[in-house]
Amino acid sequence: MLSPSTDHHPDPVTSAGRPGRPSAEGAAAGLPRRLAALVYDLMLLAGLLFVFTLAVFVLRGGRGVAPGTLWFQSSLGAVAMLFFTWFWTHGGQTLGMRAWRLRVVDAAGGPLGWGKALGRFFAALLSALPAGLGFWWAAIDPDKLCWHDRLSGTKVVRTAAGAR
């Protein structure tokens, strides 16, 4: 009669300590998850830009800003830049990234400083220019990196549930 195997392997444990699928924490984030987080962030950014525009309107005594006004367009760009870079330098996660369990880190897995975050932001603008080709690149890149990840020396990784 055969005896039961003594090579019993317990079920994989998730990062929360419960049986289930193994945690993907630290694994490179795939394109669908990254795009979902970006859409979430762009909706939040649109709201922030609306509030900023409303504040400018009120401060100007109800007078609008002429289309193509350089100072206003630059201000909107600065708001967008600060939105992303502040979150990336303070925990590595925008609100969309937190919702989709993603974090941006440097190539070694560490946090981003302001220089690297600014480089990533401007590189992301370049990635977006040719119909978003720099973003779509992650679908065929062996390391799941977008152009701006490579240009800035950063990467987006998955985080565990509840990780901050």
N, C-alpha and C. Protein backbone atom coordinates (compact mmCIF):
# COMPACT_ATOMS: atom_id res chain seq x y z
N MET A 1 0.83 -1.17 0.00
CA MET A 1 0.00 0.00 0.00
C MET A 1 0.88 1.23 0.00
N LEU A 2 0.47 2.23 -0.77
CA LEU A 2 1.24 3.46 -0.84
C LEU A 2 0.92 4.34 0.34
N SER A 3 1.95 4.98 0.83
CA SER A 3 1.72 5.91 1.94
C SER A 3 1.53 7.31 1.38
N PRO A 4 0.81 8.13 2.11
CA PRO A 4 0.61 9.50 1.64
C PRO A 4 1.94 10.22 1.55
N SER A 5 2.02 11.14 0.65
CA SER A 5 3.25 11.90 0.44
C SER A 5 3.56 12.74 1.66
N THR A 6 4.82 12.79 1.99
CA THR A 6 5.26 13.64 3.10
C THR A 6 5.69 15.00 2.60
N ASP A 7 5.61 15.19 1.29
CA ASP A 7 6.00 16.47 0.70
C ASP A 7 4.79 17.39 0.59
N HIS A 8 4.15 17.63 1.67
CA HIS A 8 2.97 18.49 1.66
C HIS A 8 3.41 19.95 1.58
N HIS A 9 2.89 20.65 0.58
CA HIS A 9 3.18 22.07 0.43
C HIS A 9 1.91 22.83 0.79
N PRO A 10 2.02 23.76 1.73
CA PRO A 10 0.82 24.52 2.09
C PRO A 10 0.33 25.37 0.93
N ASP A 11 -0.93 25.74 1.01
CA ASP A 11 -1.49 26.64 0.01
C ASP A 11 -0.69 27.93 -0.01
N PRO A 12 -0.60 28.54 -1.18
CA PRO A 12 0.07 29.84 -1.22
C PRO A 12 -0.64 30.81 -0.28
N VAL A 13 0.11 31.72 0.28
CA VAL A 13 -0.44 32.69 1.21
C VAL A 13 -0.34 34.06 0.57
N THR A 14 -1.41 34.81 0.63
CA THR A 14 -1.40 36.15 0.08
C THR A 14 -0.64 37.06 1.02
N SER A 15 -0.40 38.28 0.57
CA SER A 15 0.32 39.23 1.39
C SER A 15 -0.46 39.57 2.65
N ALA A 16 -1.76 39.33 2.66
CA ALA A 16 -2.57 39.60 3.85
C ALA A 16 -2.55 38.42 4.81
N GLY A 17 -1.82 37.34 4.46
CA GLY A 17 -1.69 36.20 5.34
C GLY A 17 -2.82 35.20 5.21
N ARG A 18 -3.65 35.33 4.19
CA ARG A 18 -4.76 34.42 3.98
C ARG A 18 -4.43 33.48 2.81
N PRO A 19 -4.94 32.26 2.86
CA PRO A 19 -4.73 31.37 1.72
C PRO A 19 -5.35 31.97 0.46
N GLY A 20 -4.76 31.66 -0.65
CA GLY A 20 -5.27 32.16 -1.93
C GLY A 20 -4.15 32.30 -2.91
N ARG A 21 -4.34 33.19 -3.84
CA ARG A 21 -3.31 33.42 -4.86
C ARG A 21 -2.11 34.10 -4.23
N PRO A 22 -0.90 33.75 -4.67
CA PRO A 22 0.28 34.42 -4.14
C PRO A 22 0.25 35.90 -4.49
N SER A 23 0.86 36.70 -3.66
CA SER A 23 0.92 38.14 -3.88
C SER A 23 1.79 38.44 -5.09
N ALA A 24 1.37 39.44 -5.86
CA ALA A 24 2.16 39.89 -7.01
C ALA A 24 2.94 41.14 -6.65
N GLU A 25 3.06 41.40 -5.35
CA GLU A 25 3.73 42.62 -4.90
C GLU A 25 5.14 42.69 -5.48
N GLY A 26 5.46 43.84 -6.01
CA GLY A 26 6.79 44.06 -6.58
C GLY A 26 6.90 43.65 -8.04
N ALA A 27 5.91 42.94 -8.55
CA ALA A 27 5.94 42.53 -9.96
C ALA A 27 5.64 43.74 -10.83
N ALA A 28 6.19 43.75 -12.02
CA ALA A 28 5.93 44.84 -12.96
C ALA A 28 4.45 44.91 -13.28
N ALA A 29 3.93 46.12 -13.31
CA ALA A 29 2.51 46.32 -13.58
C ALA A 29 2.24 46.22 -15.07
N GLY A 30 1.17 45.54 -15.42
CA GLY A 30 0.79 45.40 -16.81
C GLY A 30 0.09 46.65 -17.34
N LEU A 31 0.01 46.75 -18.64
CA LEU A 31 -0.57 47.91 -19.30
C LEU A 31 -2.04 48.16 -18.93
N PRO A 32 -2.92 47.16 -18.91
CA PRO A 32 -4.32 47.45 -18.58
C PRO A 32 -4.49 48.11 -17.20
N ARG A 33 -3.79 47.61 -16.22
CA ARG A 33 -3.88 48.17 -14.87
C ARG A 33 -3.32 49.59 -14.84
N ARG A 34 -2.22 49.80 -15.54
CA ARG A 34 -1.62 51.14 -15.59
C ARG A 34 -2.56 52.14 -16.26
N LEU A 35 -3.20 51.71 -17.36
CA LEU A 35 -4.12 52.61 -18.06
C LEU A 35 -5.35 52.91 -17.21
N ALA A 36 -5.83 51.92 -16.48
CA ALA A 36 -6.98 52.14 -15.60
C ALA A 36 -6.63 53.18 -14.53
N ALA A 37 -5.47 53.07 -13.95
CA ALA A 37 -5.04 54.05 -12.94
C ALA A 37 -4.90 55.44 -13.57
N LEU A 38 -4.38 55.50 -14.79
CA LEU A 38 -4.22 56.78 -15.47
C LEU A 38 -5.56 57.44 -15.75
N VAL A 39 -6.54 56.65 -16.20
CA VAL A 39 -7.87 57.20 -16.44
C VAL A 39 -8.45 57.76 -15.14
N TYR A 40 -8.32 57.03 -14.07
CA TYR A 40 -8.78 57.48 -12.75
C TYR A 40 -8.10 58.81 -12.40
N ASP A 41 -6.78 58.87 -12.57
CA ASP A 41 -6.03 60.09 -12.24
C ASP A 41 -6.42 61.25 -13.15
N LEU A 42 -6.66 60.99 -14.41
CA LEU A 42 -7.04 62.06 -15.32
C LEU A 42 -8.41 62.64 -14.97
N MET A 43 -9.31 61.81 -14.46
CA MET A 43 -10.60 62.33 -14.00
C MET A 43 -10.40 63.23 -12.77
N LEU A 44 -9.56 62.80 -11.85
CA LEU A 44 -9.26 63.62 -10.67
C LEU A 44 -8.57 64.92 -11.08
N LEU A 45 -7.63 64.82 -12.02
CA LEU A 45 -6.93 66.01 -12.49
C LEU A 45 -7.89 66.97 -13.18
N ALA A 46 -8.84 66.47 -13.95
CA ALA A 46 -9.83 67.33 -14.60
C ALA A 46 -10.62 68.12 -13.56
N GLY A 47 -10.99 67.46 -12.47
CA GLY A 47 -11.69 68.15 -11.38
C GLY A 47 -10.82 69.22 -10.74
N LEU A 48 -9.56 68.89 -10.53
CA LEU A 48 -8.62 69.85 -9.95
C LEU A 48 -8.42 71.06 -10.87
N LEU A 49 -8.30 70.82 -12.16
CA LEU A 49 -8.15 71.91 -13.12
C LEU A 49 -9.41 72.77 -13.18
N PHE A 50 -10.57 72.15 -13.02
CA PHE A 50 -11.82 72.89 -12.98
C PHE A 50 -11.83 73.83 -11.77
N VAL A 51 -11.45 73.31 -10.60
CA VAL A 51 -11.42 74.14 -9.38
C VAL A 51 -10.40 75.27 -9.54
N PHE A 52 -9.25 74.98 -10.11
CA PHE A 52 -8.24 76.01 -10.34
C PHE A 52 -8.79 77.10 -11.27
N THR A 53 -9.44 76.68 -12.35
CA THR A 53 -10.01 77.63 -13.31
C THR A 53 -11.10 78.47 -12.64
N LEU A 54 -11.92 77.85 -11.83
CA LEU A 54 -12.95 78.59 -11.10
C LEU A 54 -12.32 79.63 -10.17
N ALA A 55 -11.24 79.25 -9.49
CA ALA A 55 -10.55 80.19 -8.60
C ALA A 55 -9.98 81.38 -9.39
N VAL A 56 -9.41 81.10 -10.55
CA VAL A 56 -8.89 82.19 -11.40
C VAL A 56 -10.04 83.09 -11.83
N PHE A 57 -11.15 82.50 -12.21
CA PHE A 57 -12.32 83.27 -12.64
C PHE A 57 -12.81 84.19 -11.51
N VAL A 58 -12.90 83.65 -10.31
CA VAL A 58 -13.35 84.44 -9.16
C VAL A 58 -12.35 85.55 -8.84
N LEU A 59 -11.06 85.20 -8.84
CA LEU A 59 -10.02 86.20 -8.54
C LEU A 59 -9.96 87.31 -9.59
N ARG A 60 -10.41 87.03 -10.79
CA ARG A 60 -10.42 88.04 -11.85
C ARG A 60 -11.75 88.81 -11.88
N GLY A 61 -12.53 88.66 -10.83
CA GLY A 61 -13.78 89.39 -10.74
C GLY A 61 -14.83 88.94 -11.73
N GLY A 62 -14.81 87.66 -12.10
CA GLY A 62 -15.80 87.12 -13.01
C GLY A 62 -15.45 87.28 -14.48
N ARG A 63 -14.25 87.79 -14.74
CA ARG A 63 -13.81 87.92 -16.14
C ARG A 63 -13.08 86.65 -16.55
N GLY A 64 -13.41 86.15 -17.71
CA GLY A 64 -12.75 84.96 -18.22
C GLY A 64 -11.34 85.26 -18.71
N VAL A 65 -10.63 84.22 -19.02
CA VAL A 65 -9.28 84.33 -19.57
C VAL A 65 -9.38 84.07 -21.07
N ALA A 66 -8.76 84.93 -21.85
CA ALA A 66 -8.81 84.78 -23.31
C ALA A 66 -8.17 83.46 -23.73
N PRO A 67 -8.76 82.79 -24.71
CA PRO A 67 -8.16 81.53 -25.20
C PRO A 67 -6.71 81.76 -25.66
N GLY A 68 -5.86 80.79 -25.34
CA GLY A 68 -4.46 80.85 -25.76
C GLY A 68 -3.58 81.73 -24.89
N THR A 69 -4.09 82.19 -23.75
CA THR A 69 -3.30 83.03 -22.86
C THR A 69 -2.18 82.19 -22.25
N LEU A 70 -0.95 82.62 -22.50
CA LEU A 70 0.22 81.83 -22.10
C LEU A 70 0.30 81.59 -20.61
N TRP A 71 0.07 82.63 -19.79
CA TRP A 71 0.21 82.44 -18.35
C TRP A 71 -0.81 81.43 -17.82
N PHE A 72 -2.02 81.42 -18.40
CA PHE A 72 -3.04 80.50 -17.94
C PHE A 72 -2.74 79.07 -18.37
N GLN A 73 -2.33 78.90 -19.62
CA GLN A 73 -1.96 77.56 -20.09
C GLN A 73 -0.78 77.01 -19.31
N SER A 74 0.19 77.86 -19.03
CA SER A 74 1.34 77.44 -18.23
C SER A 74 0.92 77.05 -16.82
N SER A 75 -0.02 77.80 -16.27
CA SER A 75 -0.53 77.49 -14.93
C SER A 75 -1.22 76.14 -14.90
N LEU A 76 -2.02 75.85 -15.92
CA LEU A 76 -2.68 74.55 -16.00
C LEU A 76 -1.65 73.41 -16.09
N GLY A 77 -0.61 73.63 -16.90
CA GLY A 77 0.46 72.64 -17.00
C GLY A 77 1.18 72.44 -15.67
N ALA A 78 1.39 73.54 -14.95
CA ALA A 78 2.06 73.45 -13.64
C ALA A 78 1.20 72.69 -12.64
N VAL A 79 -0.10 72.91 -12.68
CA VAL A 79 -1.00 72.18 -11.78
C VAL A 79 -0.92 70.68 -12.07
N ALA A 80 -0.95 70.31 -13.35
CA ALA A 80 -0.86 68.90 -13.73
C ALA A 80 0.48 68.31 -13.29
N MET A 81 1.56 69.05 -13.52
CA MET A 81 2.89 68.58 -13.13
C MET A 81 2.96 68.37 -11.61
N LEU A 82 2.47 69.33 -10.85
CA LEU A 82 2.50 69.21 -9.39
C LEU A 82 1.62 68.07 -8.89
N PHE A 83 0.49 67.86 -9.55
CA PHE A 83 -0.39 66.75 -9.16
C PHE A 83 0.37 65.43 -9.19
N PHE A 84 0.99 65.13 -10.32
CA PHE A 84 1.68 63.85 -10.45
C PHE A 84 2.97 63.80 -9.63
N THR A 85 3.81 64.81 -9.74
CA THR A 85 5.12 64.73 -9.07
C THR A 85 5.00 64.75 -7.56
N TRP A 86 4.02 65.48 -7.03
CA TRP A 86 3.86 65.48 -5.57
C TRP A 86 3.51 64.09 -5.08
N PHE A 87 2.55 63.44 -5.73
CA PHE A 87 2.18 62.08 -5.31
C PHE A 87 3.34 61.11 -5.49
N TRP A 88 4.07 61.22 -6.60
CA TRP A 88 5.18 60.30 -6.84
C TRP A 88 6.29 60.46 -5.82
N THR A 89 6.49 61.67 -5.31
CA THR A 89 7.55 61.90 -4.32
C THR A 89 7.06 61.71 -2.89
N HIS A 90 5.78 61.55 -2.69
CA HIS A 90 5.20 61.35 -1.37
C HIS A 90 4.46 60.02 -1.33
N GLY A 91 5.19 58.95 -1.36
CA GLY A 91 4.61 57.62 -1.29
C GLY A 91 4.62 56.84 -2.59
N GLY A 92 4.93 57.51 -3.70
CA GLY A 92 5.04 56.81 -4.97
C GLY A 92 3.73 56.44 -5.63
N GLN A 93 2.60 56.95 -5.10
CA GLN A 93 1.30 56.57 -5.64
C GLN A 93 0.40 57.78 -5.80
N THR A 94 -0.14 57.95 -7.00
CA THR A 94 -1.24 58.89 -7.18
C THR A 94 -2.49 58.20 -6.60
N LEU A 95 -3.59 58.90 -6.56
CA LEU A 95 -4.82 58.29 -6.04
C LEU A 95 -5.28 57.14 -6.94
N GLY A 96 -5.14 57.31 -8.24
CA GLY A 96 -5.48 56.23 -9.16
C GLY A 96 -4.57 55.02 -8.99
N MET A 97 -3.30 55.28 -8.77
CA MET A 97 -2.35 54.18 -8.55
C MET A 97 -2.67 53.44 -7.25
N ARG A 98 -3.07 54.19 -6.24
CA ARG A 98 -3.43 53.55 -4.96
C ARG A 98 -4.65 52.66 -5.16
N ALA A 99 -5.65 53.16 -5.89
CA ALA A 99 -6.86 52.37 -6.13
C ALA A 99 -6.57 51.10 -6.91
N TRP A 100 -5.61 51.16 -7.82
CA TRP A 100 -5.28 50.00 -8.65
C TRP A 100 -4.04 49.26 -8.15
N ARG A 101 -3.62 49.58 -6.92
CA ARG A 101 -2.50 48.89 -6.25
C ARG A 101 -1.21 48.93 -7.07
N LEU A 102 -0.82 50.15 -7.41
CA LEU A 102 0.42 50.36 -8.15
C LEU A 102 1.28 51.36 -7.41
N ARG A 103 2.58 51.31 -7.65
CA ARG A 103 3.51 52.27 -7.07
C ARG A 103 4.62 52.51 -8.09
N VAL A 104 5.05 53.76 -8.21
CA VAL A 104 6.18 54.08 -9.07
C VAL A 104 7.42 54.13 -8.18
N VAL A 105 8.47 53.48 -8.65
CA VAL A 105 9.74 53.42 -7.91
C VAL A 105 10.88 53.66 -8.89
N ASP A 106 12.07 53.93 -8.35
CA ASP A 106 13.22 54.06 -9.24
C ASP A 106 13.67 52.66 -9.67
N ALA A 107 14.65 52.60 -10.54
CA ALA A 107 15.08 51.31 -11.11
C ALA A 107 15.51 50.31 -10.04
N ALA A 108 16.00 50.81 -8.89
CA ALA A 108 16.44 49.93 -7.81
C ALA A 108 15.30 49.57 -6.85
N GLY A 109 14.11 50.12 -7.09
CA GLY A 109 12.97 49.83 -6.23
C GLY A 109 12.77 50.83 -5.11
N GLY A 110 13.54 51.91 -5.12
CA GLY A 110 13.42 52.92 -4.07
C GLY A 110 12.47 54.04 -4.43
N PRO A 111 12.24 54.94 -3.49
CA PRO A 111 11.33 56.06 -3.73
C PRO A 111 11.92 57.07 -4.71
N LEU A 112 11.04 57.85 -5.32
CA LEU A 112 11.47 58.88 -6.26
C LEU A 112 11.71 60.20 -5.54
N GLY A 113 12.79 60.87 -5.94
CA GLY A 113 13.03 62.24 -5.51
C GLY A 113 12.40 63.17 -6.53
N TRP A 114 12.47 64.47 -6.23
CA TRP A 114 11.85 65.45 -7.12
C TRP A 114 12.46 65.44 -8.53
N GLY A 115 13.78 65.29 -8.63
CA GLY A 115 14.42 65.29 -9.94
C GLY A 115 13.94 64.15 -10.82
N LYS A 116 13.88 62.96 -10.24
CA LYS A 116 13.43 61.80 -11.00
C LYS A 116 11.94 61.90 -11.33
N ALA A 117 11.15 62.45 -10.41
CA ALA A 117 9.71 62.61 -10.66
C ALA A 117 9.47 63.62 -11.78
N LEU A 118 10.20 64.72 -11.78
CA LEU A 118 10.06 65.71 -12.85
C LEU A 118 10.50 65.12 -14.19
N GLY A 119 11.61 64.38 -14.18
CA GLY A 119 12.06 63.71 -15.41
C GLY A 119 11.02 62.74 -15.93
N ARG A 120 10.39 62.01 -15.03
CA ARG A 120 9.34 61.06 -15.43
C ARG A 120 8.15 61.80 -16.02
N PHE A 121 7.75 62.92 -15.42
CA PHE A 121 6.61 63.68 -15.92
C PHE A 121 6.85 64.17 -17.34
N PHE A 122 8.01 64.79 -17.57
CA PHE A 122 8.28 65.32 -18.91
C PHE A 122 8.51 64.20 -19.93
N ALA A 123 9.09 63.09 -19.49
CA ALA A 123 9.24 61.94 -20.39
C ALA A 123 7.87 61.35 -20.74
N ALA A 124 6.93 61.39 -19.77
CA ALA A 124 5.57 60.89 -20.04
C ALA A 124 4.87 61.75 -21.09
N LEU A 125 5.15 63.05 -21.07
CA LEU A 125 4.58 63.92 -22.11
C LEU A 125 5.09 63.49 -23.48
N LEU A 126 6.38 63.15 -23.56
CA LEU A 126 6.94 62.66 -24.83
C LEU A 126 6.30 61.33 -25.23
N SER A 127 6.06 60.47 -24.25
CA SER A 127 5.41 59.17 -24.53
C SER A 127 4.01 59.35 -25.08
N ALA A 128 3.34 60.40 -24.64
CA ALA A 128 1.95 60.62 -25.05
C ALA A 128 1.84 61.26 -26.43
N LEU A 129 2.88 61.97 -26.85
CA LEU A 129 2.79 62.74 -28.10
C LEU A 129 2.46 61.91 -29.33
N PRO A 130 3.19 60.85 -29.64
CA PRO A 130 2.85 60.14 -30.88
C PRO A 130 1.68 59.16 -30.67
N ALA A 131 0.47 59.72 -30.46
CA ALA A 131 -0.75 58.91 -30.26
C ALA A 131 -0.61 57.93 -29.09
N GLY A 132 0.15 58.32 -28.08
CA GLY A 132 0.31 57.47 -26.90
C GLY A 132 1.21 56.28 -27.12
N LEU A 133 1.97 56.27 -28.22
CA LEU A 133 2.79 55.11 -28.55
C LEU A 133 3.75 54.74 -27.42
N GLY A 134 4.27 55.73 -26.71
CA GLY A 134 5.19 55.45 -25.61
C GLY A 134 4.54 54.70 -24.47
N PHE A 135 3.23 54.88 -24.31
CA PHE A 135 2.49 54.13 -23.29
C PHE A 135 2.20 52.71 -23.79
N TRP A 136 1.72 52.63 -25.04
CA TRP A 136 1.36 51.32 -25.61
C TRP A 136 2.57 50.40 -25.71
N TRP A 137 3.75 50.97 -25.73
CA TRP A 137 4.99 50.20 -25.82
C TRP A 137 5.07 49.14 -24.71
N ALA A 138 4.51 49.44 -23.54
CA ALA A 138 4.57 48.50 -22.41
C ALA A 138 3.92 47.16 -22.75
N ALA A 139 3.01 47.14 -23.74
CA ALA A 139 2.35 45.88 -24.11
C ALA A 139 3.31 44.91 -24.78
N ILE A 140 4.38 45.41 -25.39
CA ILE A 140 5.34 44.52 -26.07
C ILE A 140 6.71 44.51 -25.40
N ASP A 141 6.93 45.41 -24.46
CA ASP A 141 8.22 45.48 -23.77
C ASP A 141 8.38 44.27 -22.85
N PRO A 142 9.53 43.59 -22.90
CA PRO A 142 9.70 42.40 -22.06
C PRO A 142 9.64 42.72 -20.56
N ASP A 143 9.96 43.95 -20.17
CA ASP A 143 9.92 44.34 -18.76
C ASP A 143 8.66 45.13 -18.42
N LYS A 144 7.72 45.22 -19.37
CA LYS A 144 6.46 45.96 -19.21
C LYS A 144 6.70 47.44 -18.91
N LEU A 145 7.73 48.01 -19.51
CA LEU A 145 8.06 49.41 -19.29
C LEU A 145 7.58 50.27 -20.45
N CYS A 146 7.09 51.46 -20.11
CA CYS A 146 6.74 52.46 -21.11
C CYS A 146 8.01 53.23 -21.46
N TRP A 147 7.96 54.04 -22.51
CA TRP A 147 9.13 54.84 -22.88
C TRP A 147 9.56 55.74 -21.72
N HIS A 148 8.60 56.36 -21.05
CA HIS A 148 8.98 57.27 -19.97
C HIS A 148 9.57 56.54 -18.77
N ASP A 149 9.25 55.26 -18.59
CA ASP A 149 9.91 54.47 -17.55
C ASP A 149 11.39 54.34 -17.89
N ARG A 150 11.65 53.97 -19.13
CA ARG A 150 13.04 53.79 -19.57
C ARG A 150 13.81 55.11 -19.55
N LEU A 151 13.19 56.17 -20.06
CA LEU A 151 13.87 57.47 -20.12
C LEU A 151 14.18 58.03 -18.73
N SER A 152 13.30 57.79 -17.77
CA SER A 152 13.49 58.37 -16.44
C SER A 152 14.12 57.42 -15.42
N GLY A 153 14.34 56.16 -15.80
CA GLY A 153 14.92 55.21 -14.86
C GLY A 153 13.96 54.84 -13.75
N THR A 154 12.67 54.72 -14.09
CA THR A 154 11.65 54.36 -13.10
C THR A 154 10.88 53.14 -13.60
N LYS A 155 10.05 52.61 -12.73
CA LYS A 155 9.16 51.51 -13.13
C LYS A 155 7.93 51.54 -12.24
N VAL A 156 6.86 50.95 -12.73
CA VAL A 156 5.61 50.86 -11.98
C VAL A 156 5.44 49.40 -11.57
N VAL A 157 5.26 49.19 -10.27
CA VAL A 157 5.12 47.83 -9.73
C VAL A 157 3.79 47.69 -9.02
N ARG A 158 3.36 46.47 -8.86
CA ARG A 158 2.14 46.18 -8.11
C ARG A 158 2.44 46.19 -6.63
N THR A 159 1.44 46.57 -5.84
CA THR A 159 1.59 46.56 -4.38
C THR A 159 0.57 45.62 -3.79
N ALA A 160 0.78 45.27 -2.54
CA ALA A 160 -0.15 44.39 -1.85
C ALA A 160 -1.38 45.16 -1.41
N ALA A 161 -2.46 44.46 -1.20
CA ALA A 161 -3.69 45.09 -0.71
C ALA A 161 -3.40 45.74 0.64
N GLY A 162 -3.86 46.95 0.79
CA GLY A 162 -3.67 47.65 2.05
C GLY A 162 -2.31 48.29 2.22
N ALA A 163 -1.39 48.11 1.25
CA ALA A 163 -0.06 48.71 1.36
C ALA A 163 -0.16 50.21 1.13
N ARG A 164 0.61 50.95 1.87
CA ARG A 164 0.63 52.41 1.72
C ARG A 164 2.03 52.85 1.40
